[in-house]
Amino acid sequence: MDTMMKCYDCMEEGNDTEAAAVCILCGKGICVNHSKELLLSVSAGAPPHTKRMHNGLTKILCKYCLSNTIVDAFD
């Protein structure tokens, strides 16, 4: 029997939805509708020769953690 993780926020709303990701801050399972993908920039090297990498790192947060976290740098 395969058991899939369920979206925590959907369960609180009375819905039964499979989680698509895990929030990197609180660790709860979340579906696509209750998650937000952030692209974090990555730099390499030591100053003054620091270079920004072309591809950033993708991080997933639930909407609760996102609304309680400073995200101005990600917009």
PDB file of N, CA and C in Angstrom:
ATOM      1  N   MET A   1       0.840  -1.176   0.000  1.00  0.00           N
ATOM      2  CA  MET A   1       0.000   0.000   0.000  1.00  0.00           C
ATOM      3  C   MET A   1       0.887   1.243   0.000  1.00  0.00           C
ATOM      4  N   ASP A   2       0.759   2.068  -1.030  1.00  0.00           N
ATOM      5  CA  ASP A   2       1.519   3.313  -1.109  1.00  0.00           C
ATOM      6  C   ASP A   2       0.740   4.427  -0.422  1.00  0.00           C
ATOM      7  N   THR A   3       1.417   5.125   0.467  1.00  0.00           N
ATOM      8  CA  THR A   3       0.798   6.245   1.162  1.00  0.00           C
ATOM      9  C   THR A   3       1.555   7.509   0.788  1.00  0.00           C
ATOM     10  N   MET A   4       0.825   8.486   0.293  1.00  0.00           N
ATOM     11  CA  MET A   4       1.434   9.753  -0.108  1.00  0.00           C
ATOM     12  C   MET A   4       1.222  10.792   0.986  1.00  0.00           C
ATOM     13  N   MET A   5       2.187  11.690   1.118  1.00  0.00           N
ATOM     14  CA  MET A   5       2.042  12.797   2.058  1.00  0.00           C
ATOM     15  C   MET A   5       0.923  13.706   1.568  1.00  0.00           C
ATOM     16  N   LYS A   6       0.127  14.186   2.467  1.00  0.00           N
ATOM     17  CA  LYS A   6      -0.991  15.074   2.138  1.00  0.00           C
ATOM     18  C   LYS A   6      -0.622  16.517   2.443  1.00  0.00           C
ATOM     19  N   CYS A   7      -1.243  17.435   1.727  1.00  0.00           N
ATOM     20  CA  CYS A   7      -1.022  18.854   1.963  1.00  0.00           C
ATOM     21  C   CYS A   7      -1.647  19.237   3.301  1.00  0.00           C
ATOM     22  N   TYR A   8      -0.828  19.793   4.179  1.00  0.00           N
ATOM     23  CA  TYR A   8      -1.286  20.178   5.509  1.00  0.00           C
ATOM     24  C   TYR A   8      -2.368  21.249   5.446  1.00  0.00           C
ATOM     25  N   ASP A   9      -2.146  22.270   4.597  1.00  0.00           N
ATOM     26  CA  ASP A   9      -3.111  23.366   4.500  1.00  0.00           C
ATOM     27  C   ASP A   9      -4.438  22.897   3.906  1.00  0.00           C
ATOM     28  N   CYS A  10      -4.401  21.991   2.930  1.00  0.00           N
ATOM     29  CA  CYS A  10      -5.637  21.446   2.364  1.00  0.00           C
ATOM     30  C   CYS A  10      -6.404  20.650   3.421  1.00  0.00           C
ATOM     31  N   MET A  11      -5.675  19.887   4.238  1.00  0.00           N
ATOM     32  CA  MET A  11      -6.336  19.102   5.287  1.00  0.00           C
ATOM     33  C   MET A  11      -7.052  20.014   6.273  1.00  0.00           C
ATOM     34  N   GLU A  12      -6.442  21.176   6.595  1.00  0.00           N
ATOM     35  CA  GLU A  12      -7.097  22.126   7.494  1.00  0.00           C
ATOM     36  C   GLU A  12      -8.368  22.696   6.866  1.00  0.00           C
ATOM     37  N   GLU A  13      -8.419  22.748   5.522  1.00  0.00           N
ATOM     38  CA  GLU A  13      -9.597  23.243   4.805  1.00  0.00           C
ATOM     39  C   GLU A  13     -10.603  22.139   4.528  1.00  0.00           C
ATOM     40  N   GLY A  14     -10.303  20.903   4.941  1.00  0.00           N
ATOM     41  CA  GLY A  14     -11.218  19.789   4.728  1.00  0.00           C
ATOM     42  C   GLY A  14     -11.043  19.098   3.390  1.00  0.00           C
ATOM     43  N   ASN A  15      -9.933  19.357   2.693  1.00  0.00           N
ATOM     44  CA  ASN A  15      -9.671  18.729   1.400  1.00  0.00           C
ATOM     45  C   ASN A  15      -8.587  17.670   1.535  1.00  0.00           C
ATOM     46  N   ASP A  16      -8.574  16.733   0.596  1.00  0.00           N
ATOM     47  CA  ASP A  16      -7.612  15.639   0.599  1.00  0.00           C
ATOM     48  C   ASP A  16      -6.763  15.749  -0.661  1.00  0.00           C
ATOM     49  N   THR A  17      -5.633  16.466  -0.558  1.00  0.00           N
ATOM     50  CA  THR A  17      -4.763  16.717  -1.706  1.00  0.00           C
ATOM     51  C   THR A  17      -3.360  16.223  -1.400  1.00  0.00           C
ATOM     52  N   GLU A  18      -2.732  15.582  -2.380  1.00  0.00           N
ATOM     53  CA  GLU A  18      -1.369  15.116  -2.185  1.00  0.00           C
ATOM     54  C   GLU A  18      -0.397  16.295  -2.175  1.00  0.00           C
ATOM     55  N   ALA A  19       0.590  16.216  -1.319  1.00  0.00           N
ATOM     56  CA  ALA A  19       1.618  17.257  -1.249  1.00  0.00           C
ATOM     57  C   ALA A  19       2.547  17.128  -2.448  1.00  0.00           C
ATOM     58  N   ALA A  20       2.994  18.264  -2.950  1.00  0.00           N
ATOM     59  CA  ALA A  20       3.932  18.299  -4.070  1.00  0.00           C
ATOM     60  C   ALA A  20       5.325  18.713  -3.604  1.00  0.00           C
ATOM     61  N   ALA A  21       5.419  19.273  -2.398  1.00  0.00           N
ATOM     62  CA  ALA A  21       6.699  19.765  -1.880  1.00  0.00           C
ATOM     63  C   ALA A  21       6.640  19.816  -0.361  1.00  0.00           C
ATOM     64  N   VAL A  22       7.788  20.138   0.222  1.00  0.00           N
ATOM     65  CA  VAL A  22       7.903  20.325   1.668  1.00  0.00           C
ATOM     66  C   VAL A  22       8.464  21.722   1.886  1.00  0.00           C
ATOM     67  N   CYS A  23       7.843  22.495   2.760  1.00  0.00           N
ATOM     68  CA  CYS A  23       8.309  23.845   3.067  1.00  0.00           C
ATOM     69  C   CYS A  23       9.696  23.760   3.708  1.00  0.00           C
ATOM     70  N   ILE A  24      10.636  24.581   3.210  1.00  0.00           N
ATOM     71  CA  ILE A  24      12.002  24.534   3.731  1.00  0.00           C
ATOM     72  C   ILE A  24      12.120  25.134   5.126  1.00  0.00           C
ATOM     73  N   LEU A  25      11.116  25.893   5.567  1.00  0.00           N
ATOM     74  CA  LEU A  25      11.185  26.502   6.901  1.00  0.00           C
ATOM     75  C   LEU A  25      10.475  25.672   7.963  1.00  0.00           C
ATOM     76  N   CYS A  26       9.210  25.330   7.732  1.00  0.00           N
ATOM     77  CA  CYS A  26       8.451  24.626   8.779  1.00  0.00           C
ATOM     78  C   CYS A  26       8.383  23.120   8.563  1.00  0.00           C
ATOM     79  N   GLY A  27       8.659  22.648   7.343  1.00  0.00           N
ATOM     80  CA  GLY A  27       8.699  21.217   7.074  1.00  0.00           C
ATOM     81  C   GLY A  27       7.371  20.562   6.768  1.00  0.00           C
ATOM     82  N   LYS A  28       6.293  21.329   6.670  1.00  0.00           N
ATOM     83  CA  LYS A  28       5.011  20.689   6.374  1.00  0.00           C
ATOM     84  C   LYS A  28       4.878  20.411   4.885  1.00  0.00           C
ATOM     85  N   GLY A  29       4.141  19.350   4.557  1.00  0.00           N
ATOM     86  CA  GLY A  29       3.854  19.014   3.176  1.00  0.00           C
ATOM     87  C   GLY A  29       2.842  20.002   2.616  1.00  0.00           C
ATOM     88  N   ILE A  30       3.072  20.450   1.378  1.00  0.00           N
ATOM     89  CA  ILE A  30       2.197  21.433   0.754  1.00  0.00           C
ATOM     90  C   ILE A  30       1.958  21.088  -0.710  1.00  0.00           C
ATOM     91  N   CYS A  31       0.776  21.434  -1.189  1.00  0.00           N
ATOM     92  CA  CYS A  31       0.440  21.226  -2.596  1.00  0.00           C
ATOM     93  C   CYS A  31       0.887  22.434  -3.413  1.00  0.00           C
ATOM     94  N   VAL A  32       0.705  22.364  -4.705  1.00  0.00           N
ATOM     95  CA  VAL A  32       1.109  23.459  -5.592  1.00  0.00           C
ATOM     96  C   VAL A  32       0.354  24.747  -5.264  1.00  0.00           C
ATOM     97  N   ASN A  33      -0.919  24.632  -4.906  1.00  0.00           N
ATOM     98  CA  ASN A  33      -1.726  25.825  -4.615  1.00  0.00           C
ATOM     99  C   ASN A  33      -1.339  26.515  -3.311  1.00  0.00           C
ATOM    100  N   HIS A  34      -0.739  25.796  -2.395  1.00  0.00           N
ATOM    101  CA  HIS A  34      -0.372  26.369  -1.102  1.00  0.00           C
ATOM    102  C   HIS A  34       1.129  26.635  -0.982  1.00  0.00           C
ATOM    103  N   SER A  35       1.856  26.609  -2.088  1.00  0.00           N
ATOM    104  CA  SER A  35       3.304  26.809  -2.042  1.00  0.00           C
ATOM    105  C   SER A  35       3.727  27.981  -2.914  1.00  0.00           C
ATOM    106  N   LYS A  36       4.928  28.456  -2.654  1.00  0.00           N
ATOM    107  CA  LYS A  36       5.521  29.536  -3.448  1.00  0.00           C
ATOM    108  C   LYS A  36       6.972  29.156  -3.725  1.00  0.00           C
ATOM    109  N   GLU A  37       7.361  29.243  -4.982  1.00  0.00           N
ATOM    110  CA  GLU A  37       8.724  28.932  -5.389  1.00  0.00           C
ATOM    111  C   GLU A  37       9.545  30.214  -5.434  1.00  0.00           C
ATOM    112  N   LEU A  38      10.679  30.202  -4.764  1.00  0.00           N
ATOM    113  CA  LEU A  38      11.584  31.349  -4.753  1.00  0.00           C
ATOM    114  C   LEU A  38      12.899  30.946  -5.407  1.00  0.00           C
ATOM    115  N   LEU A  39      13.449  31.837  -6.205  1.00  0.00           N
ATOM    116  CA  LEU A  39      14.740  31.590  -6.827  1.00  0.00           C
ATOM    117  C   LEU A  39      15.784  32.419  -6.097  1.00  0.00           C
ATOM    118  N   LEU A  40      16.696  31.745  -5.405  1.00  0.00           N
ATOM    119  CA  LEU A  40      17.749  32.421  -4.650  1.00  0.00           C
ATOM    120  C   LEU A  40      18.987  32.543  -5.523  1.00  0.00           C
ATOM    121  N   SER A  41      19.572  33.725  -5.566  1.00  0.00           N
ATOM    122  CA  SER A  41      20.792  33.901  -6.344  1.00  0.00           C
ATOM    123  C   SER A  41      21.959  33.247  -5.609  1.00  0.00           C
ATOM    124  N   VAL A  42      22.933  32.799  -6.386  1.00  0.00           N
ATOM    125  CA  VAL A  42      24.103  32.117  -5.834  1.00  0.00           C
ATOM    126  C   VAL A  42      25.357  32.805  -6.361  1.00  0.00           C
ATOM    127  N   SER A  43      26.273  33.090  -5.465  1.00  0.00           N
ATOM    128  CA  SER A  43      27.547  33.688  -5.841  1.00  0.00           C
ATOM    129  C   SER A  43      28.670  32.729  -5.492  1.00  0.00           C
ATOM    130  N   ALA A  44      29.758  32.814  -6.272  1.00  0.00           N
ATOM    131  CA  ALA A  44      30.915  31.960  -6.023  1.00  0.00           C
ATOM    132  C   ALA A  44      32.185  32.797  -6.063  1.00  0.00           C
ATOM    133  N   GLY A  45      33.171  32.378  -5.314  1.00  0.00           N
ATOM    134  CA  GLY A  45      34.445  33.079  -5.290  1.00  0.00           C
ATOM    135  C   GLY A  45      34.575  33.946  -4.056  1.00  0.00           C
ATOM    136  N   ALA A  46      35.784  34.411  -3.850  1.00  0.00           N
ATOM    137  CA  ALA A  46      36.073  35.270  -2.710  1.00  0.00           C
ATOM    138  C   ALA A  46      36.174  36.715  -3.178  1.00  0.00           C
ATOM    139  N   PRO A  47      35.668  37.659  -2.379  1.00  0.00           N
ATOM    140  CA  PRO A  47      35.767  39.068  -2.769  1.00  0.00           C
ATOM    141  C   PRO A  47      37.222  39.450  -2.985  1.00  0.00           C
ATOM    142  N   PRO A  48      37.540  40.262  -3.903  1.00  0.00           N
ATOM    143  CA  PRO A  48      36.680  41.050  -4.789  1.00  0.00           C
ATOM    144  C   PRO A  48      36.350  40.339  -6.091  1.00  0.00           C
ATOM    145  N   HIS A  49      36.616  39.038  -6.177  1.00  0.00           N
ATOM    146  CA  HIS A  49      36.406  38.289  -7.418  1.00  0.00           C
ATOM    147  C   HIS A  49      35.155  37.424  -7.354  1.00  0.00           C
ATOM    148  N   THR A  50      34.117  37.908  -6.730  1.00  0.00           N
ATOM    149  CA  THR A  50      32.862  37.170  -6.607  1.00  0.00           C
ATOM    150  C   THR A  50      32.081  37.274  -7.905  1.00  0.00           C
ATOM    151  N   LYS A  51      31.550  36.152  -8.348  1.00  0.00           N
ATOM    152  CA  LYS A  51      30.731  36.129  -9.558  1.00  0.00           C
ATOM    153  C   LYS A  51      29.391  35.489  -9.241  1.00  0.00           C
ATOM    154  N   ARG A  52      28.336  36.067  -9.785  1.00  0.00           N
ATOM    155  CA  ARG A  52      26.996  35.510  -9.613  1.00  0.00           C
ATOM    156  C   ARG A  52      26.804  34.388 -10.627  1.00  0.00           C
ATOM    157  N   MET A  53      26.323  33.257 -10.155  1.00  0.00           N
ATOM    158  CA  MET A  53      26.075  32.111 -11.020  1.00  0.00           C
ATOM    159  C   MET A  53      24.845  32.383 -11.890  1.00  0.00           C
ATOM    160  N   HIS A  54      24.816  31.835 -13.088  1.00  0.00           N
ATOM    161  CA  HIS A  54      23.697  32.051 -14.004  1.00  0.00           C
ATOM    162  C   HIS A  54      22.399  31.449 -13.478  1.00  0.00           C
ATOM    163  N   ASN A  55      22.492  30.269 -12.901  1.00  0.00           N
ATOM    164  CA  ASN A  55      21.305  29.593 -12.377  1.00  0.00           C
ATOM    165  C   ASN A  55      21.276  29.722 -10.859  1.00  0.00           C
ATOM    166  N   GLY A  56      20.137  30.109 -10.340  1.00  0.00           N
ATOM    167  CA  GLY A  56      19.974  30.206  -8.897  1.00  0.00           C
ATOM    168  C   GLY A  56      19.493  28.893  -8.314  1.00  0.00           C
ATOM    169  N   LEU A  57      19.226  28.897  -7.027  1.00  0.00           N
ATOM    170  CA  LEU A  57      18.675  27.732  -6.334  1.00  0.00           C
ATOM    171  C   LEU A  57      17.192  27.940  -6.098  1.00  0.00           C
ATOM    172  N   THR A  58      16.404  26.952  -6.430  1.00  0.00           N
ATOM    173  CA  THR A  58      14.970  27.026  -6.210  1.00  0.00           C
ATOM    174  C   THR A  58      14.645  26.527  -4.812  1.00  0.00           C
ATOM    175  N   LYS A  59      13.888  27.309  -4.059  1.00  0.00           N
ATOM    176  CA  LYS A  59      13.444  26.943  -2.716  1.00  0.00           C
ATOM    177  C   LYS A  59      11.933  27.071  -2.661  1.00  0.00           C
ATOM    178  N   ILE A  60      11.288  26.168  -1.919  1.00  0.00           N
ATOM    179  CA  ILE A  60       9.832  26.149  -1.808  1.00  0.00           C
ATOM    180  C   ILE A  60       9.431  26.495  -0.376  1.00  0.00           C
ATOM    181  N   LEU A  61       8.491  27.438  -0.235  1.00  0.00           N
ATOM    182  CA  LEU A  61       7.952  27.821   1.064  1.00  0.00           C
ATOM    183  C   LEU A  61       6.435  27.706   1.029  1.00  0.00           C
ATOM    184  N   CYS A  62       5.848  27.398   2.191  1.00  0.00           N
ATOM    185  CA  CYS A  62       4.397  27.461   2.298  1.00  0.00           C
ATOM    186  C   CYS A  62       4.009  28.936   2.377  1.00  0.00           C
ATOM    187  N   LYS A  63       2.759  29.214   2.105  1.00  0.00           N
ATOM    188  CA  LYS A  63       2.320  30.612   2.083  1.00  0.00           C
ATOM    189  C   LYS A  63       2.381  31.252   3.468  1.00  0.00           C
ATOM    190  N   TYR A  64       2.200  30.468   4.524  1.00  0.00           N
ATOM    191  CA  TYR A  64       2.292  31.011   5.876  1.00  0.00           C
ATOM    192  C   TYR A  64       3.719  31.478   6.163  1.00  0.00           C
ATOM    193  N   CYS A  65       4.698  30.612   5.901  1.00  0.00           N
ATOM    194  CA  CYS A  65       6.091  30.983   6.150  1.00  0.00           C
ATOM    195  C   CYS A  65       6.509  32.137   5.249  1.00  0.00           C
ATOM    196  N   LEU A  66       6.046  32.131   4.024  1.00  0.00           N
ATOM    197  CA  LEU A  66       6.372  33.222   3.109  1.00  0.00           C
ATOM    198  C   LEU A  66       5.841  34.553   3.628  1.00  0.00           C
ATOM    199  N   SER A  67       4.614  34.553   4.130  1.00  0.00           N
ATOM    200  CA  SER A  67       4.015  35.798   4.614  1.00  0.00           C
ATOM    201  C   SER A  67       4.651  36.276   5.929  1.00  0.00           C
ATOM    202  N   ASN A  68       5.388  35.404   6.602  1.00  0.00           N
ATOM    203  CA  ASN A  68       6.051  35.754   7.847  1.00  0.00           C
ATOM    204  C   ASN A  68       7.568  35.827   7.712  1.00  0.00           C
ATOM    205  N   THR A  69       8.038  35.952   6.485  1.00  0.00           N
ATOM    206  CA  THR A  69       9.471  36.008   6.184  1.00  0.00           C
ATOM    207  C   THR A  69       9.737  37.221   5.318  1.00  0.00           C
ATOM    208  N   ILE A  70      10.869  37.832   5.497  1.00  0.00           N
ATOM    209  CA  ILE A  70      11.236  38.961   4.649  1.00  0.00           C
ATOM    210  C   ILE A  70      11.600  38.416   3.272  1.00  0.00           C
ATOM    211  N   VAL A  71      10.854  38.842   2.255  1.00  0.00           N
ATOM    212  CA  VAL A  71      11.081  38.312   0.912  1.00  0.00           C
ATOM    213  C   VAL A  71      11.359  39.414  -0.104  1.00  0.00           C
ATOM    214  N   ASP A  72      11.586  40.637   0.349  1.00  0.00           N
ATOM    215  CA  ASP A  72      11.833  41.733  -0.578  1.00  0.00           C
ATOM    216  C   ASP A  72      13.003  41.438  -1.515  1.00  0.00           C
ATOM    217  N   ALA A  73      13.995  40.728  -1.042  1.00  0.00           N
ATOM    218  CA  ALA A  73      15.168  40.444  -1.853  1.00  0.00           C
ATOM    219  C   ALA A  73      14.879  39.449  -2.957  1.00  0.00           C
ATOM    220  N   PHE A  74      13.761  38.727  -2.860  1.00  0.00           N
ATOM    221  CA  PHE A  74      13.459  37.687  -3.844  1.00  0.00           C
ATOM    222  C   PHE A  74      12.545  38.186  -4.956  1.00  0.00           C
ATOM    223  N   ASP A  75      11.952  39.332  -4.803  1.00  0.00           N
ATOM    224  CA  ASP A  75      11.007  39.833  -5.815  1.00  0.00           C
ATOM    225  C   ASP A  75      11.713  40.565  -6.920  1.00  0.00           C
TER     226      ASP A  75
END
